[in-house]
PDB file of N, CA and C in Angstrom:
ATOM      1  N   MET A   1      59.777   3.235 -57.504  1.00  0.00           N
ATOM      2  CA  MET A   1      59.485   2.263 -56.462  1.00  0.00           C
ATOM      3  C   MET A   1      58.102   2.558 -55.870  1.00  0.00           C
ATOM      4  N   LYS A   2      57.280   1.564 -55.803  1.00  0.00           N
ATOM      5  CA  LYS A   2      55.929   1.722 -55.276  1.00  0.00           C
ATOM      6  C   LYS A   2      55.959   1.817 -53.752  1.00  0.00           C
ATOM      7  N   ASN A   3      55.196   2.789 -53.211  1.00  0.00           N
ATOM      8  CA  ASN A   3      55.081   2.899 -51.761  1.00  0.00           C
ATOM      9  C   ASN A   3      54.329   1.689 -51.226  1.00  0.00           C
ATOM     10  N   LYS A   4      54.781   1.177 -50.100  1.00  0.00           N
ATOM     11  CA  LYS A   4      54.102   0.057 -49.463  1.00  0.00           C
ATOM     12  C   LYS A   4      53.662   0.495 -48.081  1.00  0.00           C
ATOM     13  N   PHE A   5      52.429   0.226 -47.789  1.00  0.00           N
ATOM     14  CA  PHE A   5      51.871   0.500 -46.476  1.00  0.00           C
ATOM     15  C   PHE A   5      51.511  -0.847 -45.875  1.00  0.00           C
ATOM     16  N   ILE A   6      52.474  -1.474 -45.246  1.00  0.00           N
ATOM     17  CA  ILE A   6      52.341  -2.866 -44.856  1.00  0.00           C
ATOM     18  C   ILE A   6      51.163  -3.108 -43.909  1.00  0.00           C
ATOM     19  N   LEU A   7      50.950  -2.257 -42.918  1.00  0.00           N
ATOM     20  CA  LEU A   7      49.828  -2.475 -42.002  1.00  0.00           C
ATOM     21  C   LEU A   7      48.490  -2.267 -42.701  1.00  0.00           C
ATOM     22  N   SER A   8      48.386  -1.204 -43.480  1.00  0.00           N
ATOM     23  CA  SER A   8      47.150  -0.945 -44.221  1.00  0.00           C
ATOM     24  C   SER A   8      46.865  -2.069 -45.206  1.00  0.00           C
ATOM     25  N   ASP A   9      47.901  -2.520 -45.918  1.00  0.00           N
ATOM     26  CA  ASP A   9      47.729  -3.611 -46.878  1.00  0.00           C
ATOM     27  C   ASP A   9      47.289  -4.886 -46.168  1.00  0.00           C
ATOM     28  N   TYR A  10      47.885  -5.159 -45.020  1.00  0.00           N
ATOM     29  CA  TYR A  10      47.538  -6.369 -44.272  1.00  0.00           C
ATOM     30  C   TYR A  10      46.068  -6.319 -43.842  1.00  0.00           C
ATOM     31  N   ILE A  11      45.648  -5.196 -43.267  1.00  0.00           N
ATOM     32  CA  ILE A  11      44.263  -5.045 -42.816  1.00  0.00           C
ATOM     33  C   ILE A  11      43.309  -5.191 -43.997  1.00  0.00           C
ATOM     34  N   GLU A  12      43.605  -4.509 -45.089  1.00  0.00           N
ATOM     35  CA  GLU A  12      42.740  -4.558 -46.272  1.00  0.00           C
ATOM     36  C   GLU A  12      42.634  -5.976 -46.828  1.00  0.00           C
ATOM     37  N   ASN A  13      43.762  -6.656 -46.946  1.00  0.00           N
ATOM     38  CA  ASN A  13      43.760  -8.017 -47.478  1.00  0.00           C
ATOM     39  C   ASN A  13      43.050  -8.993 -46.544  1.00  0.00           C
ATOM     40  N   ALA A  14      43.232  -8.818 -45.243  1.00  0.00           N
ATOM     41  CA  ALA A  14      42.554  -9.689 -44.285  1.00  0.00           C
ATOM     42  C   ALA A  14      41.048  -9.469 -44.338  1.00  0.00           C
ATOM     43  N   LEU A  15      40.621  -8.219 -44.438  1.00  0.00           N
ATOM     44  CA  LEU A  15      39.183  -7.927 -44.526  1.00  0.00           C
ATOM     45  C   LEU A  15      38.570  -8.498 -45.799  1.00  0.00           C
ATOM     46  N   ASP A  16      39.363  -8.604 -46.859  1.00  0.00           N
ATOM     47  CA  ASP A  16      38.872  -9.233 -48.088  1.00  0.00           C
ATOM     48  C   ASP A  16      38.539 -10.709 -47.870  1.00  0.00           C
ATOM     49  N   LEU A  17      39.136 -11.316 -46.850  1.00  0.00           N
ATOM     50  CA  LEU A  17      38.891 -12.732 -46.536  1.00  0.00           C
ATOM     51  C   LEU A  17      37.762 -12.926 -45.526  1.00  0.00           C
ATOM     52  N   ALA A  18      37.163 -11.821 -45.087  1.00  0.00           N
ATOM     53  CA  ALA A  18      36.126 -11.886 -44.051  1.00  0.00           C
ATOM     54  C   ALA A  18      34.929 -12.706 -44.514  1.00  0.00           C
ATOM     55  N   GLU A  19      34.355 -13.407 -43.547  1.00  0.00           N
ATOM     56  CA  GLU A  19      33.139 -14.182 -43.780  1.00  0.00           C
ATOM     57  C   GLU A  19      32.064 -13.662 -42.843  1.00  0.00           C
ATOM     58  N   PHE A  20      30.867 -13.494 -43.373  1.00  0.00           N
ATOM     59  CA  PHE A  20      29.749 -12.986 -42.585  1.00  0.00           C
ATOM     60  C   PHE A  20      28.609 -13.985 -42.634  1.00  0.00           C
ATOM     61  N   GLU A  21      27.919 -14.100 -41.516  1.00  0.00           N
ATOM     62  CA  GLU A  21      26.804 -15.030 -41.421  1.00  0.00           C
ATOM     63  C   GLU A  21      25.625 -14.337 -40.755  1.00  0.00           C
ATOM     64  N   LEU A  22      24.461 -14.495 -41.366  1.00  0.00           N
ATOM     65  CA  LEU A  22      23.224 -13.985 -40.772  1.00  0.00           C
ATOM     66  C   LEU A  22      22.755 -15.017 -39.759  1.00  0.00           C
ATOM     67  N   LEU A  23      22.579 -14.601 -38.520  1.00  0.00           N
ATOM     68  CA  LEU A  23      22.174 -15.508 -37.453  1.00  0.00           C
ATOM     69  C   LEU A  23      20.651 -15.569 -37.344  1.00  0.00           C
ATOM     70  N   GLU A  24      20.160 -16.580 -36.642  1.00  0.00           N
ATOM     71  CA  GLU A  24      18.715 -16.805 -36.512  1.00  0.00           C
ATOM     72  C   GLU A  24      17.975 -15.606 -35.937  1.00  0.00           C
ATOM     73  N   ASP A  25      18.613 -14.852 -35.062  1.00  0.00           N
ATOM     74  CA  ASP A  25      17.944 -13.701 -34.434  1.00  0.00           C
ATOM     75  C   ASP A  25      18.021 -12.433 -35.278  1.00  0.00           C
ATOM     76  N   GLY A  26      18.570 -12.530 -36.486  1.00  0.00           N
ATOM     77  CA  GLY A  26      18.671 -11.379 -37.376  1.00  0.00           C
ATOM     78  C   GLY A  26      19.951 -10.590 -37.233  1.00  0.00           C
ATOM     79  N   SER A  27      20.793 -10.942 -36.270  1.00  0.00           N
ATOM     80  CA  SER A  27      22.092 -10.281 -36.116  1.00  0.00           C
ATOM     81  C   SER A  27      23.113 -10.986 -37.011  1.00  0.00           C
ATOM     82  N   PHE A  28      24.338 -10.488 -37.006  1.00  0.00           N
ATOM     83  CA  PHE A  28      25.381 -11.022 -37.879  1.00  0.00           C
ATOM     84  C   PHE A  28      26.613 -11.430 -37.085  1.00  0.00           C
ATOM     85  N   CYS A  29      27.294 -12.420 -37.621  1.00  0.00           N
ATOM     86  CA  CYS A  29      28.604 -12.839 -37.121  1.00  0.00           C
ATOM     87  C   CYS A  29      29.602 -12.568 -38.240  1.00  0.00           C
ATOM     88  N   GLY A  30      30.731 -11.989 -37.882  1.00  0.00           N
ATOM     89  CA  GLY A  30      31.800 -11.763 -38.852  1.00  0.00           C
ATOM     90  C   GLY A  30      33.090 -12.354 -38.319  1.00  0.00           C
ATOM     91  N   LYS A  31      33.856 -12.969 -39.214  1.00  0.00           N
ATOM     92  CA  LYS A  31      35.136 -13.552 -38.788  1.00  0.00           C
ATOM     93  C   LYS A  31      36.119 -13.551 -39.940  1.00  0.00           C
ATOM     94  N   ILE A  32      37.383 -13.656 -39.570  1.00  0.00           N
ATOM     95  CA  ILE A  32      38.466 -13.801 -40.546  1.00  0.00           C
ATOM     96  C   ILE A  32      39.177 -15.098 -40.174  1.00  0.00           C
ATOM     97  N   PRO A  33      38.844 -16.184 -40.863  1.00  0.00           N
ATOM     98  CA  PRO A  33      39.362 -17.500 -40.477  1.00  0.00           C
ATOM     99  C   PRO A  33      40.890 -17.590 -40.360  1.00  0.00           C
ATOM    100  N   LYS A  34      41.630 -16.866 -41.208  1.00  0.00           N
ATOM    101  CA  LYS A  34      43.100 -16.922 -41.132  1.00  0.00           C
ATOM    102  C   LYS A  34      43.652 -16.230 -39.896  1.00  0.00           C
ATOM    103  N   CYS A  35      42.846 -15.377 -39.270  1.00  0.00           N
ATOM    104  CA  CYS A  35      43.286 -14.613 -38.100  1.00  0.00           C
ATOM    105  C   CYS A  35      42.567 -15.175 -36.876  1.00  0.00           C
ATOM    106  N   LYS A  36      43.209 -16.112 -36.243  1.00  0.00           N
ATOM    107  CA  LYS A  36      42.605 -16.846 -35.128  1.00  0.00           C
ATOM    108  C   LYS A  36      42.101 -15.902 -34.033  1.00  0.00           C
ATOM    109  N   GLY A  37      40.821 -16.052 -33.714  1.00  0.00           N
ATOM    110  CA  GLY A  37      40.239 -15.268 -32.642  1.00  0.00           C
ATOM    111  C   GLY A  37      39.576 -13.972 -33.080  1.00  0.00           C
ATOM    112  N   VAL A  38      39.672 -13.634 -34.368  1.00  0.00           N
ATOM    113  CA  VAL A  38      39.052 -12.411 -34.859  1.00  0.00           C
ATOM    114  C   VAL A  38      37.620 -12.749 -35.284  1.00  0.00           C
ATOM    115  N   VAL A  39      36.706 -12.600 -34.325  1.00  0.00           N
ATOM    116  CA  VAL A  39      35.283 -12.904 -34.510  1.00  0.00           C
ATOM    117  C   VAL A  39      34.484 -11.824 -33.797  1.00  0.00           C
ATOM    118  N   VAL A  40      33.438 -11.310 -34.453  1.00  0.00           N
ATOM    119  CA  VAL A  40      32.598 -10.274 -33.857  1.00  0.00           C
ATOM    120  C   VAL A  40      31.131 -10.566 -34.144  1.00  0.00           C
ATOM    121  N   PHE A  41      30.273  -9.875 -33.397  1.00  0.00           N
ATOM    122  CA  PHE A  41      28.829  -9.980 -33.591  1.00  0.00           C
ATOM    123  C   PHE A  41      28.260  -8.575 -33.626  1.00  0.00           C
ATOM    124  N   GLY A  42      27.347  -8.326 -34.561  1.00  0.00           N
ATOM    125  CA  GLY A  42      26.739  -7.016 -34.678  1.00  0.00           C
ATOM    126  C   GLY A  42      25.281  -7.115 -35.073  1.00  0.00           C
ATOM    127  N   GLU A  43      24.578  -6.011 -34.889  1.00  0.00           N
ATOM    128  CA  GLU A  43      23.148  -5.968 -35.209  1.00  0.00           C
ATOM    129  C   GLU A  43      22.885  -5.854 -36.707  1.00  0.00           C
ATOM    130  N   THR A  44      23.788  -5.168 -37.429  1.00  0.00           N
ATOM    131  CA  THR A  44      23.644  -5.018 -38.879  1.00  0.00           C
ATOM    132  C   THR A  44      24.935  -5.483 -39.545  1.00  0.00           C
ATOM    133  N   LEU A  45      24.850  -5.726 -40.852  1.00  0.00           N
ATOM    134  CA  LEU A  45      26.045  -6.136 -41.587  1.00  0.00           C
ATOM    135  C   LEU A  45      27.091  -5.030 -41.567  1.00  0.00           C
ATOM    136  N   ASN A  46      26.662  -3.784 -41.727  1.00  0.00           N
ATOM    137  CA  ASN A  46      27.585  -2.650 -41.707  1.00  0.00           C
ATOM    138  C   ASN A  46      28.283  -2.529 -40.349  1.00  0.00           C
ATOM    139  N   GLU A  47      27.505  -2.635 -39.275  1.00  0.00           N
ATOM    140  CA  GLU A  47      28.091  -2.573 -37.934  1.00  0.00           C
ATOM    141  C   GLU A  47      29.086  -3.715 -37.730  1.00  0.00           C
ATOM    142  N   THR A  48      28.721  -4.898 -38.188  1.00  0.00           N
ATOM    143  CA  THR A  48      29.583  -6.071 -38.030  1.00  0.00           C
ATOM    144  C   THR A  48      30.891  -5.887 -38.783  1.00  0.00           C
ATOM    145  N   TYR A  49      30.826  -5.340 -39.994  1.00  0.00           N
ATOM    146  CA  TYR A  49      32.035  -5.078 -40.769  1.00  0.00           C
ATOM    147  C   TYR A  49      32.960  -4.119 -40.026  1.00  0.00           C
ATOM    148  N   HIS A  50      32.399  -3.026 -39.511  1.00  0.00           N
ATOM    149  CA  HIS A  50      33.231  -2.042 -38.809  1.00  0.00           C
ATOM    150  C   HIS A  50      33.786  -2.595 -37.491  1.00  0.00           C
ATOM    151  N   LEU A  51      32.998  -3.395 -36.796  1.00  0.00           N
ATOM    152  CA  LEU A  51      33.504  -4.058 -35.587  1.00  0.00           C
ATOM    153  C   LEU A  51      34.636  -5.020 -35.939  1.00  0.00           C
ATOM    154  N   LEU A  52      34.494  -5.714 -37.060  1.00  0.00           N
ATOM    155  CA  LEU A  52      35.527  -6.652 -37.493  1.00  0.00           C
ATOM    156  C   LEU A  52      36.814  -5.908 -37.833  1.00  0.00           C
ATOM    157  N   GLN A  53      36.703  -4.793 -38.521  1.00  0.00           N
ATOM    158  CA  GLN A  53      37.882  -3.998 -38.857  1.00  0.00           C
ATOM    159  C   GLN A  53      38.581  -3.511 -37.589  1.00  0.00           C
ATOM    160  N   SER A  54      37.821  -2.992 -36.647  1.00  0.00           N
ATOM    161  CA  SER A  54      38.391  -2.495 -35.394  1.00  0.00           C
ATOM    162  C   SER A  54      39.058  -3.623 -34.604  1.00  0.00           C
ATOM    163  N   THR A  55      38.385  -4.757 -34.531  1.00  0.00           N
ATOM    164  CA  THR A  55      38.934  -5.902 -33.802  1.00  0.00           C
ATOM    165  C   THR A  55      40.208  -6.405 -34.457  1.00  0.00           C
ATOM    166  N   LEU A  56      40.221  -6.458 -35.783  1.00  0.00           N
ATOM    167  CA  LEU A  56      41.417  -6.878 -36.511  1.00  0.00           C
ATOM    168  C   LEU A  56      42.577  -5.929 -36.236  1.00  0.00           C
ATOM    169  N   GLU A  57      42.321  -4.632 -36.262  1.00  0.00           N
ATOM    170  CA  GLU A  57      43.385  -3.654 -35.984  1.00  0.00           C
ATOM    171  C   GLU A  57      43.949  -3.847 -34.582  1.00  0.00           C
ATOM    172  N   GLU A  58      43.079  -4.047 -33.598  1.00  0.00           N
ATOM    173  CA  GLU A  58      43.540  -4.278 -32.224  1.00  0.00           C
ATOM    174  C   GLU A  58      44.302  -5.596 -32.124  1.00  0.00           C
ATOM    175  N   TRP A  59      43.845  -6.615 -32.831  1.00  0.00           N
ATOM    176  CA  TRP A  59      44.504  -7.922 -32.849  1.00  0.00           C
ATOM    177  C   TRP A  59      45.929  -7.793 -33.398  1.00  0.00           C
ATOM    178  N   VAL A  60      46.079  -7.022 -34.475  1.00  0.00           N
ATOM    179  CA  VAL A  60      47.405  -6.807 -35.070  1.00  0.00           C
ATOM    180  C   VAL A  60      48.299  -6.039 -34.102  1.00  0.00           C
ATOM    181  N   LEU A  61      47.806  -4.947 -33.542  1.00  0.00           N
ATOM    182  CA  LEU A  61      48.625  -4.140 -32.626  1.00  0.00           C
ATOM    183  C   LEU A  61      49.058  -4.935 -31.403  1.00  0.00           C
ATOM    184  N   LEU A  62      48.145  -5.689 -30.823  1.00  0.00           N
ATOM    185  CA  LEU A  62      48.500  -6.513 -29.670  1.00  0.00           C
ATOM    186  C   LEU A  62      49.502  -7.590 -30.058  1.00  0.00           C
ATOM    187  N   GLY A  63      49.282  -8.211 -31.207  1.00  0.00           N
ATOM    188  CA  GLY A  63      50.207  -9.241 -31.673  1.00  0.00           C
ATOM    189  C   GLY A  63      51.608  -8.699 -31.915  1.00  0.00           C
ATOM    190  N   LEU A  64      51.688  -7.502 -32.476  1.00  0.00           N
ATOM    191  CA  LEU A  64      53.005  -6.885 -32.683  1.00  0.00           C
ATOM    192  C   LEU A  64      53.690  -6.616 -31.350  1.00  0.00           C
ATOM    193  N   ARG A  65      52.913  -6.099 -30.408  1.00  0.00           N
ATOM    194  CA  ARG A  65      53.475  -5.781 -29.091  1.00  0.00           C
ATOM    195  C   ARG A  65      53.972  -7.035 -28.364  1.00  0.00           C
ATOM    196  N   LEU A  66      53.224  -8.127 -28.517  1.00  0.00           N
ATOM    197  CA  LEU A  66      53.568  -9.367 -27.814  1.00  0.00           C
ATOM    198  C   LEU A  66      54.482 -10.286 -28.624  1.00  0.00           C
ATOM    199  N   GLY A  67      54.791  -9.888 -29.843  1.00  0.00           N
ATOM    200  CA  GLY A  67      55.691 -10.681 -30.679  1.00  0.00           C
ATOM    201  C   GLY A  67      55.067 -11.944 -31.239  1.00  0.00           C
ATOM    202  N   HIS A  68      53.760 -11.930 -31.461  1.00  0.00           N
ATOM    203  CA  HIS A  68      53.083 -13.097 -32.023  1.00  0.00           C
ATOM    204  C   HIS A  68      53.432 -13.276 -33.496  1.00  0.00           C
ATOM    205  N   GLU A  69      53.310 -14.498 -33.959  1.00  0.00           N
ATOM    206  CA  GLU A  69      53.495 -14.781 -35.377  1.00  0.00           C
ATOM    207  C   GLU A  69      52.157 -14.572 -36.082  1.00  0.00           C
ATOM    208  N   PHE A  70      52.203 -13.941 -37.236  1.00  0.00           N
ATOM    209  CA  PHE A  70      51.008 -13.633 -38.001  1.00  0.00           C
ATOM    210  C   PHE A  70      50.912 -14.513 -39.231  1.00  0.00           C
ATOM    211  N   PRO A  71      49.692 -14.832 -39.649  1.00  0.00           N
ATOM    212  CA  PRO A  71      49.556 -15.525 -40.934  1.00  0.00           C
ATOM    213  C   PRO A  71      49.922 -14.563 -42.059  1.00  0.00           C
ATOM    214  N   ILE A  72      50.561 -15.072 -43.085  1.00  0.00           N
ATOM    215  CA  ILE A  72      50.878 -14.265 -44.256  1.00  0.00           C
ATOM    216  C   ILE A  72      49.616 -14.209 -45.110  1.00  0.00           C
ATOM    217  N   ILE A  73      49.189 -13.000 -45.461  1.00  0.00           N
ATOM    218  CA  ILE A  73      47.957 -12.827 -46.219  1.00  0.00           C
ATOM    219  C   ILE A  73      48.281 -12.115 -47.524  1.00  0.00           C
ATOM    220  N   ASN A  74      48.054 -12.817 -48.637  1.00  0.00           N
ATOM    221  CA  ASN A  74      48.320 -12.260 -49.978  1.00  0.00           C
ATOM    222  C   ASN A  74      49.723 -11.670 -50.070  1.00  0.00           C
ATOM    223  N   ASP A  75      50.695 -12.406 -49.622  1.00  0.00           N
ATOM    224  CA  ASP A  75      52.111 -12.025 -49.660  1.00  0.00           C
ATOM    225  C   ASP A  75      52.460 -10.853 -48.746  1.00  0.00           C
ATOM    226  N   VAL A  76      51.552 -10.432 -47.871  1.00  0.00           N
ATOM    227  CA  VAL A  76      51.877  -9.400 -46.892  1.00  0.00           C
ATOM    228  C   VAL A  76      52.280 -10.112 -45.608  1.00  0.00           C
ATOM    229  N   ASN A  77      53.519  -9.904 -45.214  1.00  0.00           N
ATOM    230  CA  ASN A  77      54.098 -10.614 -44.085  1.00  0.00           C
ATOM    231  C   ASN A  77      54.465  -9.625 -42.982  1.00  0.00           C
ATOM    232  N   LEU A  78      53.775  -9.733 -41.858  1.00  0.00           N
ATOM    233  CA  LEU A  78      54.092  -8.868 -40.708  1.00  0.00           C
ATOM    234  C   LEU A  78      55.181  -9.460 -39.818  1.00  0.00           C
ATOM    235  N   ASN A  79      55.639 -10.643 -40.148  1.00  0.00           N
ATOM    236  CA  ASN A  79      56.649 -11.333 -39.348  1.00  0.00           C
ATOM    237  C   ASN A  79      58.036 -10.907 -39.808  1.00  0.00           C
ATOM    238  N   ILE A  80      58.446  -9.719 -39.375  1.00  0.00           N
ATOM    239  CA  ILE A  80      59.712  -9.156 -39.824  1.00  0.00           C
ATOM    240  C   ILE A  80      60.725  -9.210 -38.694  1.00  0.00           C
ATOM    241  N   SER A  81      61.855  -9.799 -38.978  1.00  0.00           N
ATOM    242  CA  SER A  81      62.942  -9.789 -38.009  1.00  0.00           C
ATOM    243  C   SER A  81      63.962  -8.750 -38.455  1.00  0.00           C
ATOM    244  N   THR A  82      64.838  -8.348 -37.553  1.00  0.00           N
ATOM    245  CA  THR A  82      65.833  -7.325 -37.900  1.00  0.00           C
ATOM    246  C   THR A  82      66.767  -7.806 -38.995  1.00  0.00           C
ATOM    247  N   SER A  83      66.912  -9.121 -39.173  1.00  0.00           N
ATOM    248  CA  SER A  83      67.774  -9.614 -40.239  1.00  0.00           C
ATOM    249  C   SER A  83      67.165  -9.355 -41.610  1.00  0.00           C
ATOM    250  N   ASN A  84      65.859  -9.079 -41.668  1.00  0.00           N
ATOM    251  CA  ASN A  84      65.200  -8.788 -42.940  1.00  0.00           C
ATOM    252  C   ASN A  84      65.212  -7.307 -43.289  1.00  0.00           C
ATOM    253  N   LEU A  85      65.637  -6.466 -42.379  1.00  0.00           N
ATOM    254  CA  LEU A  85      65.616  -5.025 -42.616  1.00  0.00           C
ATOM    255  C   LEU A  85      66.878  -4.579 -43.331  1.00  0.00           C
ATOM    256  N   GLU A  86      66.747  -3.522 -44.112  1.00  0.00           N
ATOM    257  CA  GLU A  86      67.917  -2.966 -44.788  1.00  0.00           C
ATOM    258  C   GLU A  86      68.805  -2.273 -43.760  1.00  0.00           C
ATOM    259  N   TYR A  87      70.097  -2.273 -43.987  1.00  0.00           N
ATOM    260  CA  TYR A  87      71.066  -1.707 -43.072  1.00  0.00           C
ATOM    261  C   TYR A  87      70.756  -0.251 -42.772  1.00  0.00           C
ATOM    262  N   GLU A  88      70.364   0.537 -43.795  1.00  0.00           N
ATOM    263  CA  GLU A  88      70.129   1.949 -43.604  1.00  0.00           C
ATOM    264  C   GLU A  88      68.999   2.197 -42.601  1.00  0.00           C
ATOM    265  N   SER A  89      68.005   1.331 -42.565  1.00  0.00           N
ATOM    266  CA  SER A  89      66.872   1.541 -41.652  1.00  0.00           C
ATOM    267  C   SER A  89      67.247   1.280 -40.207  1.00  0.00           C
ATOM    268  N   LEU A  90      68.380   0.651 -39.981  1.00  0.00           N
ATOM    269  CA  LEU A  90      68.825   0.372 -38.609  1.00  0.00           C
ATOM    270  C   LEU A  90      69.712   1.480 -38.053  1.00  0.00           C
ATOM    271  N   GLN A  91      70.164   2.377 -38.900  1.00  0.00           N
ATOM    272  CA  GLN A  91      71.022   3.460 -38.439  1.00  0.00           C
ATOM    273  C   GLN A  91      70.194   4.536 -37.775  1.00  0.00           C
ATOM    274  N   ALA A  92      70.757   5.125 -36.730  1.00  0.00           N
ATOM    275  CA  ALA A  92      70.039   6.179 -36.006  1.00  0.00           C
ATOM    276  C   ALA A  92      70.130   7.506 -36.693  1.00  0.00           C
TER     277      ALA A  92
END
């Protein structure tokens, strides 16, 4: 059975969908269109990528805490209800 790292896979797959734009002032905008509100601005492309990754991670953590629905990205689904969990994982 292959190990699954659902949060890592979600972040990685979402970052694969990232779009970057060079702005008129030489700075960059980065966004992940499937993840509403995940938009950042940076001075370099590298900085923008890392800001986007950090913002995405915070977006996921906040969404989990608040019970938000997430877009499914490349078959990675963070929208898990207890009815989807195996019985053994619910035992203390």
